[in-house]
Amino acid sequence: MNFSRRCILSTAFALALAPIAHAQAQTGTWPERPVRLIVNFAPGGGTDAIARLVADSLSKTLGQSVVVVNRVGAAGNIGLDAVAQAAPDGYTLLHSSDGPIVINPHIFEQARVATELVAVAPTAGSPMLLIVRPDVPGSGSLKDFLAYLRANPDKLNYGSAGAGTLQHVAVEAMAAAANVKALHVPYRGSQAILADMLGGRIDFTVDLGAAVPFIKSGQLKILGVVGPQRSELFPDVPTLKEQGLDVAMTWISGIYAPRGTPQPIVARLNQEISRTMQTPEMKASLVAMAAESLPVMSPEEFAKYQQRSRDAYGEVVRRAGIKVD
């Protein structure tokens, strides 16, 4: 073999190994410094509370601090954008409910970046509960409540964690299915909605579990479970579908990374997150929050699951005519 041919082959071989060497350099000792876990909703809500449980566990298994940073606003889009623009090195991750991932791209132009994020692993799921203040007219049953809304369009109001969020979409889908109208009041987080409900300023909402203590104390009331099956916490409360309203939605949360994050880092995170979400301690903590761990999924399985959800919610958004001003 002549010198020129050896040089060409050596150069080609070096170029072929470069991506592998680069990934090894990034994953062999990763993480070498604290990892930021961005949460795109306010402190105190379900997405934030689950993120803090996951961060605490990952800090122990990864040997580096995992620091939760709340980047709130625009229905979760500010947090999405912060992660989408971050370096794909495993040091900036996103913990988000699936609303911004599967709904926002149908409503906000800026949320198209959600389709480019790397799905790492699911974390938890929670029943969605239609809750009202007990003093609201028609609060005796879902049938009575819808009848009151139908006879009094826009007289009652409801809160959501922001325009375009899962809570907003869920109520608008219910309104379209039942042919009723109510005023939408967007907030920056679920805790503020509950505070105003208890204060008599908000009439109803779709809750993801934060209201459980107030439901058990009788301060708030459930009219139905929005998901496809009943809640284990409230087994006597029927779903909306059982009560004749053709609406069924689920809420889950998960970890995402910027596009281009090395596959070995994604695989390591998936392994660690999957392991920690299945521990008895984590399951007990989630149950106390009216949530539950989800079946283990590989990054590829999680990505496919989210794409199916994105397609399904696109149809819900179009059918309900949901738009954001």
C-alpha atoms as a PDB file:
ATOM      1  CA  MET A   1       0.000   0.000   0.000  1.00  0.00           C
ATOM      2  CA  ASN A   2       1.497   3.352  -1.003  1.00  0.00           C
ATOM      3  CA  PHE A   3       1.893   6.300   1.328  1.00  0.00           C
ATOM      4  CA  SER A   4      -0.974   8.345  -0.179  1.00  0.00           C
ATOM      5  CA  ARG A   5      -3.465   5.483   0.154  1.00  0.00           C
ATOM      6  CA  ARG A   6      -2.401   4.888   3.773  1.00  0.00           C
ATOM      7  CA  CYS A   7      -2.923   8.586   4.538  1.00  0.00           C
ATOM      8  CA  ILE A   8      -6.392   8.568   2.984  1.00  0.00           C
ATOM      9  CA  LEU A   9      -7.437   5.439   4.892  1.00  0.00           C
ATOM     10  CA  SER A  10      -5.974   6.755   8.140  1.00  0.00           C
ATOM     11  CA  THR A  11      -7.809  10.037   7.735  1.00  0.00           C
ATOM     12  CA  ALA A  12     -11.100   8.273   6.925  1.00  0.00           C
ATOM     13  CA  PHE A  13     -10.705   5.970   9.915  1.00  0.00           C
ATOM     14  CA  ALA A  14      -9.986   8.925  12.208  1.00  0.00           C
ATOM     15  CA  LEU A  15     -13.054  10.772  10.932  1.00  0.00           C
ATOM     16  CA  ALA A  16     -15.222   7.681  11.458  1.00  0.00           C
ATOM     17  CA  LEU A  17     -14.033   7.386  15.065  1.00  0.00           C
ATOM     18  CA  ALA A  18     -14.416  11.087  15.832  1.00  0.00           C
ATOM     19  CA  PRO A  19     -18.139  10.980  16.754  1.00  0.00           C
ATOM     20  CA  ILE A  20     -17.541   7.928  18.964  1.00  0.00           C
ATOM     21  CA  ALA A  21     -14.594   9.580  20.681  1.00  0.00           C
ATOM     22  CA  HIS A  22     -16.644  12.761  21.117  1.00  0.00           C
ATOM     23  CA  ALA A  23     -19.536  10.845  22.699  1.00  0.00           C
ATOM     24  CA  GLN A  24     -17.176   8.916  24.952  1.00  0.00           C
ATOM     25  CA  ALA A  25     -15.540  12.142  26.035  1.00  0.00           C
ATOM     26  CA  GLN A  26     -18.949  13.503  26.954  1.00  0.00           C
ATOM     27  CA  THR A  27     -20.372  10.399  28.596  1.00  0.00           C
ATOM     28  CA  GLY A  28     -17.391   8.599  30.080  1.00  0.00           C
ATOM     29  CA  THR A  29     -17.141  11.051  32.972  1.00  0.00           C
ATOM     30  CA  TRP A  30     -20.575  12.653  32.702  1.00  0.00           C
ATOM     31  CA  PRO A  31     -21.768  14.316  34.808  1.00  0.00           C
ATOM     32  CA  GLU A  32     -18.776  16.291  36.052  1.00  0.00           C
ATOM     33  CA  ARG A  33     -20.807  19.251  37.343  1.00  0.00           C
ATOM     34  CA  PRO A  34     -24.367  19.971  38.518  1.00  0.00           C
ATOM     35  CA  VAL A  35     -27.226  19.314  36.103  1.00  0.00           C
ATOM     36  CA  ARG A  36     -30.036  21.837  35.642  1.00  0.00           C
ATOM     37  CA  LEU A  37     -33.558  20.406  35.512  1.00  0.00           C
ATOM     38  CA  ILE A  38     -35.802  23.114  34.099  1.00  0.00           C
ATOM     39  CA  VAL A  39     -39.474  22.982  35.073  1.00  0.00           C
ATOM     40  CA  ASN A  40     -41.760  25.034  32.865  1.00  0.00           C
ATOM     41  CA  PHE A  41     -44.477  25.581  35.467  1.00  0.00           C
ATOM     42  CA  ALA A  42     -44.610  27.348  38.818  1.00  0.00           C
ATOM     43  CA  PRO A  43     -43.379  25.912  42.139  1.00  0.00           C
ATOM     44  CA  GLY A  44     -45.967  24.012  44.125  1.00  0.00           C
ATOM     45  CA  GLY A  45     -47.832  22.390  41.231  1.00  0.00           C
ATOM     46  CA  GLY A  46     -47.729  18.722  40.293  1.00  0.00           C
ATOM     47  CA  THR A  47     -45.110  19.087  37.540  1.00  0.00           C
ATOM     48  CA  ASP A  48     -42.775  20.926  39.913  1.00  0.00           C
ATOM     49  CA  ALA A  49     -43.344  18.590  42.875  1.00  0.00           C
ATOM     50  CA  ILE A  50     -42.598  15.479  40.809  1.00  0.00           C
ATOM     51  CA  ALA A  51     -39.508  17.137  39.327  1.00  0.00           C
ATOM     52  CA  ARG A  52     -38.122  17.767  42.809  1.00  0.00           C
ATOM     53  CA  LEU A  53     -38.603  14.131  43.792  1.00  0.00           C
ATOM     54  CA  VAL A  54     -36.820  13.014  40.618  1.00  0.00           C
ATOM     55  CA  ALA A  55     -34.031  15.585  41.053  1.00  0.00           C
ATOM     56  CA  ASP A  56     -33.360  14.457  44.603  1.00  0.00           C
ATOM     57  CA  SER A  57     -33.094  10.827  43.536  1.00  0.00           C
ATOM     58  CA  LEU A  58     -30.949  11.557  40.472  1.00  0.00           C
ATOM     59  CA  SER A  59     -28.566  13.653  42.580  1.00  0.00           C
ATOM     60  CA  LYS A  60     -27.793  10.524  44.567  1.00  0.00           C
ATOM     61  CA  THR A  61     -27.495   8.092  41.662  1.00  0.00           C
ATOM     62  CA  LEU A  62     -25.524  10.419  39.364  1.00  0.00           C
ATOM     63  CA  GLY A  63     -23.189  11.697  42.064  1.00  0.00           C
ATOM     64  CA  GLN A  64     -23.846  15.322  41.098  1.00  0.00           C
ATOM     65  CA  SER A  65     -26.467  17.821  42.191  1.00  0.00           C
ATOM     66  CA  VAL A  66     -29.544  18.025  39.978  1.00  0.00           C
ATOM     67  CA  VAL A  67     -30.904  21.530  40.513  1.00  0.00           C
ATOM     68  CA  VAL A  68     -34.528  22.394  39.721  1.00  0.00           C
ATOM     69  CA  VAL A  69     -34.937  25.741  37.962  1.00  0.00           C
ATOM     70  CA  ASN A  70     -38.440  27.089  37.290  1.00  0.00           C
ATOM     71  CA  ARG A  71     -38.826  28.901  33.963  1.00  0.00           C
ATOM     72  CA  VAL A  72     -42.472  29.875  33.997  1.00  0.00           C
ATOM     73  CA  GLY A  73     -44.769  31.433  31.432  1.00  0.00           C
ATOM     74  CA  ALA A  74     -46.493  31.214  28.049  1.00  0.00           C
ATOM     75  CA  ALA A  75     -48.185  27.885  28.832  1.00  0.00           C
ATOM     76  CA  GLY A  76     -44.823  26.239  29.420  1.00  0.00           C
ATOM     77  CA  ASN A  77     -43.241  27.570  26.232  1.00  0.00           C
ATOM     78  CA  ILE A  78     -40.572  29.642  28.008  1.00  0.00           C
ATOM     79  CA  GLY A  79     -39.161  26.529  29.635  1.00  0.00           C
ATOM     80  CA  LEU A  80     -39.392  24.604  26.365  1.00  0.00           C
ATOM     81  CA  ASP A  81     -37.424  27.279  24.553  1.00  0.00           C
ATOM     82  CA  ALA A  82     -34.768  27.483  27.276  1.00  0.00           C
ATOM     83  CA  VAL A  83     -34.035  23.778  26.936  1.00  0.00           C
ATOM     84  CA  ALA A  84     -34.283  23.718  23.148  1.00  0.00           C
ATOM     85  CA  GLN A  85     -31.582  26.404  22.962  1.00  0.00           C
ATOM     86  CA  ALA A  86     -29.306  24.841  25.588  1.00  0.00           C
ATOM     87  CA  ALA A  87     -26.110  22.990  24.724  1.00  0.00           C
ATOM     88  CA  PRO A  88     -26.842  19.297  24.056  1.00  0.00           C
ATOM     89  CA  ASP A  89     -24.352  18.088  26.636  1.00  0.00           C
ATOM     90  CA  GLY A  90     -26.579  16.511  29.278  1.00  0.00           C
ATOM     91  CA  TYR A  91     -26.314  19.426  31.703  1.00  0.00           C
ATOM     92  CA  THR A  92     -29.669  21.041  30.874  1.00  0.00           C
ATOM     93  CA  LEU A  93     -32.832  18.930  30.956  1.00  0.00           C
ATOM     94  CA  LEU A  94     -36.554  19.635  31.006  1.00  0.00           C
ATOM     95  CA  HIS A  95     -39.216  18.186  33.270  1.00  0.00           C
ATOM     96  CA  SER A  96     -42.592  18.962  31.742  1.00  0.00           C
ATOM     97  CA  SER A  97     -46.132  17.749  31.794  1.00  0.00           C
ATOM     98  CA  ASP A  98     -47.145  16.476  28.400  1.00  0.00           C
ATOM     99  CA  GLY A  99     -49.411  19.441  27.607  1.00  0.00           C
ATOM    100  CA  PRO A 100     -46.599  21.688  26.325  1.00  0.00           C
ATOM    101  CA  ILE A 101     -45.126  18.746  24.424  1.00  0.00           C
ATOM    102  CA  VAL A 102     -48.223  17.385  22.719  1.00  0.00           C
ATOM    103  CA  ILE A 103     -50.697  20.312  22.722  1.00  0.00           C
ATOM    104  CA  ASN A 104     -48.665  23.515  22.399  1.00  0.00           C
ATOM    105  CA  PRO A 105     -47.264  22.736  18.929  1.00  0.00           C
ATOM    106  CA  HIS A 106     -50.870  22.829  17.645  1.00  0.00           C
ATOM    107  CA  ILE A 107     -51.530  26.237  19.194  1.00  0.00           C
ATOM    108  CA  PHE A 108     -48.270  28.218  19.482  1.00  0.00           C
ATOM    109  CA  GLU A 109     -45.811  28.742  16.664  1.00  0.00           C
ATOM    110  CA  GLN A 110     -42.977  29.080  19.182  1.00  0.00           C
ATOM    111  CA  ALA A 111     -43.797  25.655  20.637  1.00  0.00           C
ATOM    112  CA  ARG A 112     -42.749  23.790  17.485  1.00  0.00           C
ATOM    113  CA  VAL A 113     -39.423  23.243  19.273  1.00  0.00           C
ATOM    114  CA  ALA A 114     -41.246  20.701  21.459  1.00  0.00           C
ATOM    115  CA  THR A 115     -41.264  18.289  18.523  1.00  0.00           C
ATOM    116  CA  GLU A 116     -37.467  18.504  18.334  1.00  0.00           C
ATOM    117  CA  LEU A 117     -36.679  17.731  21.968  1.00  0.00           C
ATOM    118  CA  VAL A 118     -35.345  14.283  22.824  1.00  0.00           C
ATOM    119  CA  ALA A 119     -37.832  12.224  24.843  1.00  0.00           C
ATOM    120  CA  VAL A 120     -35.745  10.701  27.653  1.00  0.00           C
ATOM    121  CA  ALA A 121     -38.158   8.971  30.040  1.00  0.00           C
ATOM    122  CA  PRO A 122     -41.648   9.315  31.515  1.00  0.00           C
ATOM    123  CA  THR A 123     -41.881  10.117  35.216  1.00  0.00           C
ATOM    124  CA  ALA A 124     -45.456  10.038  36.523  1.00  0.00           C
ATOM    125  CA  GLY A 125     -49.124  10.233  35.684  1.00  0.00           C
ATOM    126  CA  SER A 126     -52.082  11.723  37.518  1.00  0.00           C
ATOM    127  CA  PRO A 127     -55.862  11.623  37.178  1.00  0.00           C
ATOM    128  CA  MET A 128     -57.505  14.791  35.912  1.00  0.00           C
ATOM    129  CA  LEU A 129     -60.432  15.790  38.094  1.00  0.00           C
ATOM    130  CA  LEU A 130     -63.222  18.211  37.246  1.00  0.00           C
ATOM    131  CA  ILE A 131     -63.684  20.121  40.496  1.00  0.00           C
ATOM    132  CA  VAL A 132     -66.039  22.904  41.589  1.00  0.00           C
ATOM    133  CA  ARG A 133     -66.759  24.960  44.651  1.00  0.00           C
ATOM    134  CA  PRO A 134     -69.652  23.363  46.588  1.00  0.00           C
ATOM    135  CA  ASP A 135     -71.563  26.665  46.560  1.00  0.00           C
ATOM    136  CA  VAL A 136     -71.536  26.955  42.753  1.00  0.00           C
ATOM    137  CA  PRO A 137     -75.000  26.517  41.186  1.00  0.00           C
ATOM    138  CA  GLY A 138     -75.497  23.015  39.811  1.00  0.00           C
ATOM    139  CA  SER A 139     -72.611  21.535  41.805  1.00  0.00           C
ATOM    140  CA  GLY A 140     -74.759  18.604  42.948  1.00  0.00           C
ATOM    141  CA  SER A 141     -73.889  16.551  39.867  1.00  0.00           C
ATOM    142  CA  LEU A 142     -72.248  16.835  36.463  1.00  0.00           C
ATOM    143  CA  LYS A 143     -75.669  16.747  34.802  1.00  0.00           C
ATOM    144  CA  ASP A 144     -76.936  19.663  36.923  1.00  0.00           C
ATOM    145  CA  PHE A 145     -73.709  21.597  36.460  1.00  0.00           C
ATOM    146  CA  LEU A 146     -73.805  21.322  32.668  1.00  0.00           C
ATOM    147  CA  ALA A 147     -77.482  22.248  32.661  1.00  0.00           C
ATOM    148  CA  TYR A 148     -76.697  25.420  34.612  1.00  0.00           C
ATOM    149  CA  LEU A 149     -73.823  26.313  32.272  1.00  0.00           C
ATOM    150  CA  ARG A 150     -76.056  25.727  29.256  1.00  0.00           C
ATOM    151  CA  ALA A 151     -78.760  27.998  30.662  1.00  0.00           C
ATOM    152  CA  ASN A 152     -76.248  30.630  31.831  1.00  0.00           C
ATOM    153  CA  PRO A 153     -73.473  30.927  29.204  1.00  0.00           C
ATOM    154  CA  ASP A 154     -70.287  32.612  30.445  1.00  0.00           C
ATOM    155  CA  LYS A 155     -71.734  33.231  33.907  1.00  0.00           C
ATOM    156  CA  LEU A 156     -69.273  30.866  35.598  1.00  0.00           C
ATOM    157  CA  ASN A 157     -65.512  31.048  35.219  1.00  0.00           C
ATOM    158  CA  TYR A 158     -62.748  28.475  35.311  1.00  0.00           C
ATOM    159  CA  GLY A 159     -59.018  28.671  35.940  1.00  0.00           C
ATOM    160  CA  SER A 160     -56.153  27.034  34.089  1.00  0.00           C
ATOM    161  CA  ALA A 161     -52.373  27.160  34.375  1.00  0.00           C
ATOM    162  CA  GLY A 162     -52.313  29.242  31.191  1.00  0.00           C
ATOM    163  CA  ALA A 163     -53.853  29.611  27.750  1.00  0.00           C
ATOM    164  CA  GLY A 164     -53.248  26.463  25.750  1.00  0.00           C
ATOM    165  CA  THR A 165     -52.403  24.285  28.752  1.00  0.00           C
ATOM    166  CA  LEU A 166     -53.918  20.856  29.275  1.00  0.00           C
ATOM    167  CA  GLN A 167     -56.408  22.272  31.796  1.00  0.00           C
ATOM    168  CA  HIS A 168     -57.550  24.882  29.264  1.00  0.00           C
ATOM    169  CA  VAL A 169     -57.863  22.318  26.483  1.00  0.00           C
ATOM    170  CA  ALA A 170     -59.690  19.842  28.732  1.00  0.00           C
ATOM    171  CA  VAL A 171     -62.351  22.357  29.790  1.00  0.00           C
ATOM    172  CA  GLU A 172     -62.817  23.672  26.248  1.00  0.00           C
ATOM    173  CA  ALA A 173     -63.172  20.112  24.959  1.00  0.00           C
ATOM    174  CA  MET A 174     -65.816  19.460  27.620  1.00  0.00           C
ATOM    175  CA  ALA A 175     -67.573  22.711  26.754  1.00  0.00           C
ATOM    176  CA  ALA A 176     -67.644  21.806  23.071  1.00  0.00           C
ATOM    177  CA  ALA A 177     -68.930  18.292  23.781  1.00  0.00           C
ATOM    178  CA  ALA A 178     -71.666  19.568  26.127  1.00  0.00           C
ATOM    179  CA  ASN A 179     -72.496  22.735  24.154  1.00  0.00           C
ATOM    180  CA  VAL A 180     -71.834  25.064  27.093  1.00  0.00           C
ATOM    181  CA  LYS A 181     -69.756  28.204  27.649  1.00  0.00           C
ATOM    182  CA  ALA A 182     -67.668  29.473  30.573  1.00  0.00           C
ATOM    183  CA  LEU A 183     -65.141  32.269  31.024  1.00  0.00           C
ATOM    184  CA  HIS A 184     -61.473  31.262  30.966  1.00  0.00           C
ATOM    185  CA  VAL A 185     -59.121  32.824  33.536  1.00  0.00           C
ATOM    186  CA  PRO A 186     -55.466  31.907  32.854  1.00  0.00           C
ATOM    187  CA  TYR A 187     -52.981  31.692  35.733  1.00  0.00           C
ATOM    188  CA  ARG A 188     -49.268  30.958  35.999  1.00  0.00           C
ATOM    189  CA  GLY A 189     -49.706  27.842  38.112  1.00  0.00           C
ATOM    190  CA  SER A 190     -52.224  25.487  39.723  1.00  0.00           C
ATOM    191  CA  GLN A 191     -51.662  26.650  43.309  1.00  0.00           C
ATOM    192  CA  ALA A 192     -52.927  30.132  42.499  1.00  0.00           C
ATOM    193  CA  ILE A 193     -56.077  28.666  40.939  1.00  0.00           C
ATOM    194  CA  LEU A 194     -56.852  26.665  44.074  1.00  0.00           C
ATOM    195  CA  ALA A 195     -56.254  29.686  46.294  1.00  0.00           C
ATOM    196  CA  ASP A 196     -58.768  31.702  44.275  1.00  0.00           C
ATOM    197  CA  MET A 197     -61.260  28.841  44.230  1.00  0.00           C
ATOM    198  CA  LEU A 198     -61.105  28.603  48.007  1.00  0.00           C
ATOM    199  CA  GLY A 199     -61.457  32.377  48.131  1.00  0.00           C
ATOM    200  CA  GLY A 200     -64.611  32.278  45.999  1.00  0.00           C
ATOM    201  CA  ARG A 201     -63.132  33.979  42.935  1.00  0.00           C
ATOM    202  CA  ILE A 202     -62.892  30.934  40.612  1.00  0.00           C
ATOM    203  CA  ASP A 203     -65.826  28.575  40.114  1.00  0.00           C
ATOM    204  CA  PHE A 204     -64.267  25.427  38.687  1.00  0.00           C
ATOM    205  CA  THR A 205     -61.183  23.894  37.094  1.00  0.00           C
ATOM    206  CA  VAL A 206     -59.589  20.646  36.028  1.00  0.00           C
ATOM    207  CA  ASP A 207     -57.141  19.626  38.744  1.00  0.00           C
ATOM    208  CA  LEU A 208     -54.183  17.272  38.529  1.00  0.00           C
ATOM    209  CA  GLY A 209     -54.046  16.226  42.163  1.00  0.00           C
ATOM    210  CA  ALA A 210     -53.074  19.335  44.126  1.00  0.00           C
ATOM    211  CA  ALA A 211     -56.682  19.760  45.265  1.00  0.00           C
ATOM    212  CA  VAL A 212     -56.966  16.335  46.907  1.00  0.00           C
ATOM    213  CA  PRO A 213     -56.675  17.651  50.517  1.00  0.00           C
ATOM    214  CA  PHE A 214     -59.395  20.234  49.850  1.00  0.00           C
ATOM    215  CA  ILE A 215     -61.619  17.615  48.231  1.00  0.00           C
ATOM    216  CA  LYS A 216     -61.243  15.321  51.229  1.00  0.00           C
ATOM    217  CA  SER A 217     -62.010  18.186  53.611  1.00  0.00           C
ATOM    218  CA  GLY A 218     -65.167  19.065  51.666  1.00  0.00           C
ATOM    219  CA  GLN A 219     -63.954  22.521  50.617  1.00  0.00           C
ATOM    220  CA  LEU A 220     -64.025  21.486  46.950  1.00  0.00           C
ATOM    221  CA  LYS A 221     -66.052  18.865  45.118  1.00  0.00           C
ATOM    222  CA  ILE A 222     -65.353  16.441  42.243  1.00  0.00           C
ATOM    223  CA  LEU A 223     -67.934  16.168  39.485  1.00  0.00           C
ATOM    224  CA  GLY A 224     -66.061  13.614  37.405  1.00  0.00           C
ATOM    225  CA  VAL A 225     -62.767  12.098  36.360  1.00  0.00           C
ATOM    226  CA  VAL A 226     -61.588  13.451  33.002  1.00  0.00           C
ATOM    227  CA  GLY A 227     -59.411  10.430  32.238  1.00  0.00           C
ATOM    228  CA  PRO A 228     -60.426   7.095  30.713  1.00  0.00           C
ATOM    229  CA  GLN A 229     -60.716   5.338  34.074  1.00  0.00           C
ATOM    230  CA  ARG A 230     -61.666   6.141  37.653  1.00  0.00           C
ATOM    231  CA  SER A 231     -59.169   7.424  40.187  1.00  0.00           C
ATOM    232  CA  GLU A 232     -57.945   4.975  42.829  1.00  0.00           C
ATOM    233  CA  LEU A 233     -58.191   7.790  45.358  1.00  0.00           C
ATOM    234  CA  PHE A 234     -61.860   8.389  44.538  1.00  0.00           C
ATOM    235  CA  PRO A 235     -63.180   5.079  43.218  1.00  0.00           C
ATOM    236  CA  ASP A 236     -66.821   6.107  43.667  1.00  0.00           C
ATOM    237  CA  VAL A 237     -66.479   9.101  41.325  1.00  0.00           C
ATOM    238  CA  PRO A 238     -67.400   8.158  37.736  1.00  0.00           C
ATOM    239  CA  THR A 239     -65.533   9.335  34.658  1.00  0.00           C
ATOM    240  CA  LEU A 240     -67.038  11.927  32.330  1.00  0.00           C
ATOM    241  CA  LYS A 241     -67.602   9.199  29.748  1.00  0.00           C
ATOM    242  CA  GLU A 242     -69.540   7.116  32.263  1.00  0.00           C
ATOM    243  CA  GLN A 243     -71.764  10.167  32.728  1.00  0.00           C
ATOM    244  CA  GLY A 244     -72.422  10.576  29.022  1.00  0.00           C
ATOM    245  CA  LEU A 245     -69.827  13.210  28.109  1.00  0.00           C
ATOM    246  CA  ASP A 246     -67.487  11.976  25.376  1.00  0.00           C
ATOM    247  CA  VAL A 247     -64.243  13.410  26.770  1.00  0.00           C
ATOM    248  CA  ALA A 248     -61.258  11.433  28.099  1.00  0.00           C
ATOM    249  CA  MET A 249     -57.800  12.934  28.610  1.00  0.00           C
ATOM    250  CA  THR A 250     -54.733  11.877  30.540  1.00  0.00           C
ATOM    251  CA  TRP A 251     -51.872  13.798  32.171  1.00  0.00           C
ATOM    252  CA  ILE A 252     -48.311  12.557  32.367  1.00  0.00           C
ATOM    253  CA  SER A 253     -44.930  14.137  32.978  1.00  0.00           C
ATOM    254  CA  GLY A 254     -41.481  13.288  31.694  1.00  0.00           C
ATOM    255  CA  ILE A 255     -37.865  14.276  31.162  1.00  0.00           C
ATOM    256  CA  TYR A 256     -36.616  15.753  27.877  1.00  0.00           C
ATOM    257  CA  ALA A 257     -33.233  16.870  26.540  1.00  0.00           C
ATOM    258  CA  PRO A 258     -32.042  19.222  23.774  1.00  0.00           C
ATOM    259  CA  ARG A 259     -31.789  17.771  20.296  1.00  0.00           C
ATOM    260  CA  GLY A 260     -28.323  16.346  19.699  1.00  0.00           C
ATOM    261  CA  THR A 261     -27.740  15.141  23.266  1.00  0.00           C
ATOM    262  CA  PRO A 262     -25.404  12.108  22.966  1.00  0.00           C
ATOM    263  CA  GLN A 263     -27.294   8.833  22.960  1.00  0.00           C
ATOM    264  CA  PRO A 264     -25.191   7.319  25.789  1.00  0.00           C
ATOM    265  CA  ILE A 265     -26.250  10.195  28.079  1.00  0.00           C
ATOM    266  CA  VAL A 266     -29.895   9.750  27.100  1.00  0.00           C
ATOM    267  CA  ALA A 267     -29.627   6.005  27.730  1.00  0.00           C
ATOM    268  CA  ARG A 268     -28.017   6.544  31.140  1.00  0.00           C
ATOM    269  CA  LEU A 269     -30.685   9.034  32.162  1.00  0.00           C
ATOM    270  CA  ASN A 270     -33.445   6.723  30.978  1.00  0.00           C
ATOM    271  CA  GLN A 271     -31.984   3.891  33.020  1.00  0.00           C
ATOM    272  CA  GLU A 272     -31.607   5.946  36.195  1.00  0.00           C
ATOM    273  CA  ILE A 273     -35.017   7.628  35.905  1.00  0.00           C
ATOM    274  CA  SER A 274     -36.787   4.348  35.133  1.00  0.00           C
ATOM    275  CA  ARG A 275     -35.147   2.696  38.137  1.00  0.00           C
ATOM    276  CA  THR A 276     -35.957   5.482  40.587  1.00  0.00           C
ATOM    277  CA  MET A 277     -39.592   5.818  39.461  1.00  0.00           C
ATOM    278  CA  GLN A 278     -40.226   2.154  40.274  1.00  0.00           C
ATOM    279  CA  THR A 279     -38.831   2.177  43.827  1.00  0.00           C
ATOM    280  CA  PRO A 280     -41.332   1.670  46.677  1.00  0.00           C
ATOM    281  CA  GLU A 281     -40.260   4.982  48.219  1.00  0.00           C
ATOM    282  CA  MET A 282     -40.974   6.930  45.028  1.00  0.00           C
ATOM    283  CA  LYS A 283     -44.299   5.174  44.479  1.00  0.00           C
ATOM    284  CA  ALA A 284     -45.372   6.022  48.020  1.00  0.00           C
ATOM    285  CA  SER A 285     -44.405   9.676  47.533  1.00  0.00           C
ATOM    286  CA  LEU A 286     -46.383   9.844  44.293  1.00  0.00           C
ATOM    287  CA  VAL A 287     -49.485   8.260  45.815  1.00  0.00           C
ATOM    288  CA  ALA A 288     -49.444  10.952  48.490  1.00  0.00           C
ATOM    289  CA  MET A 289     -49.612  13.476  45.641  1.00  0.00           C
ATOM    290  CA  ALA A 290     -52.462  11.625  43.869  1.00  0.00           C
ATOM    291  CA  ALA A 291     -50.016  10.483  41.180  1.00  0.00           C
ATOM    292  CA  GLU A 292     -48.445   7.194  40.127  1.00  0.00           C
ATOM    293  CA  SER A 293     -45.338   5.961  38.363  1.00  0.00           C
ATOM    294  CA  LEU A 294     -45.731   4.933  34.729  1.00  0.00           C
ATOM    295  CA  PRO A 295     -44.610   1.747  32.988  1.00  0.00           C
ATOM    296  CA  VAL A 296     -40.946   1.784  31.990  1.00  0.00           C
ATOM    297  CA  MET A 297     -40.372   2.999  28.438  1.00  0.00           C
ATOM    298  CA  SER A 298     -37.193   3.272  26.404  1.00  0.00           C
ATOM    299  CA  PRO A 299     -36.481   6.713  24.892  1.00  0.00           C
ATOM    300  CA  GLU A 300     -37.764   5.411  21.556  1.00  0.00           C
ATOM    301  CA  GLU A 301     -40.967   4.052  23.094  1.00  0.00           C
ATOM    302  CA  PHE A 302     -41.542   7.289  24.990  1.00  0.00           C
ATOM    303  CA  ALA A 303     -41.058   9.347  21.813  1.00  0.00           C
ATOM    304  CA  LYS A 304     -43.596   7.190  19.933  1.00  0.00           C
ATOM    305  CA  TYR A 305     -46.066   7.448  22.827  1.00  0.00           C
ATOM    306  CA  GLN A 306     -45.793  11.234  22.787  1.00  0.00           C
ATOM    307  CA  GLN A 307     -46.226  11.404  19.018  1.00  0.00           C
ATOM    308  CA  ARG A 308     -49.432   9.388  19.254  1.00  0.00           C
ATOM    309  CA  SER A 309     -50.653  11.751  21.970  1.00  0.00           C
ATOM    310  CA  ARG A 310     -49.643  14.777  19.875  1.00  0.00           C
ATOM    311  CA  ASP A 311     -51.686  13.487  16.943  1.00  0.00           C
ATOM    312  CA  ALA A 312     -54.695  12.777  19.176  1.00  0.00           C
ATOM    313  CA  TYR A 313     -54.627  16.173  20.890  1.00  0.00           C
ATOM    314  CA  GLY A 314     -54.299  17.904  17.545  1.00  0.00           C
ATOM    315  CA  GLU A 315     -57.695  16.493  16.698  1.00  0.00           C
ATOM    316  CA  VAL A 316     -59.112  17.653  20.070  1.00  0.00           C
ATOM    317  CA  VAL A 317     -57.789  21.188  19.504  1.00  0.00           C
ATOM    318  CA  ARG A 318     -59.269  21.349  16.003  1.00  0.00           C
ATOM    319  CA  ARG A 319     -62.616  19.867  17.005  1.00  0.00           C
ATOM    320  CA  ALA A 320     -63.022  22.239  19.968  1.00  0.00           C
ATOM    321  CA  GLY A 321     -61.793  25.215  17.942  1.00  0.00           C
ATOM    322  CA  ILE A 322     -59.227  26.146  20.594  1.00  0.00           C
ATOM    323  CA  LYS A 323     -57.185  29.234  19.790  1.00  0.00           C
ATOM    324  CA  VAL A 324     -54.945  31.532  21.796  1.00  0.00           C
ATOM    325  CA  ASP A 325     -55.276  35.271  21.307  1.00  0.00           C
END
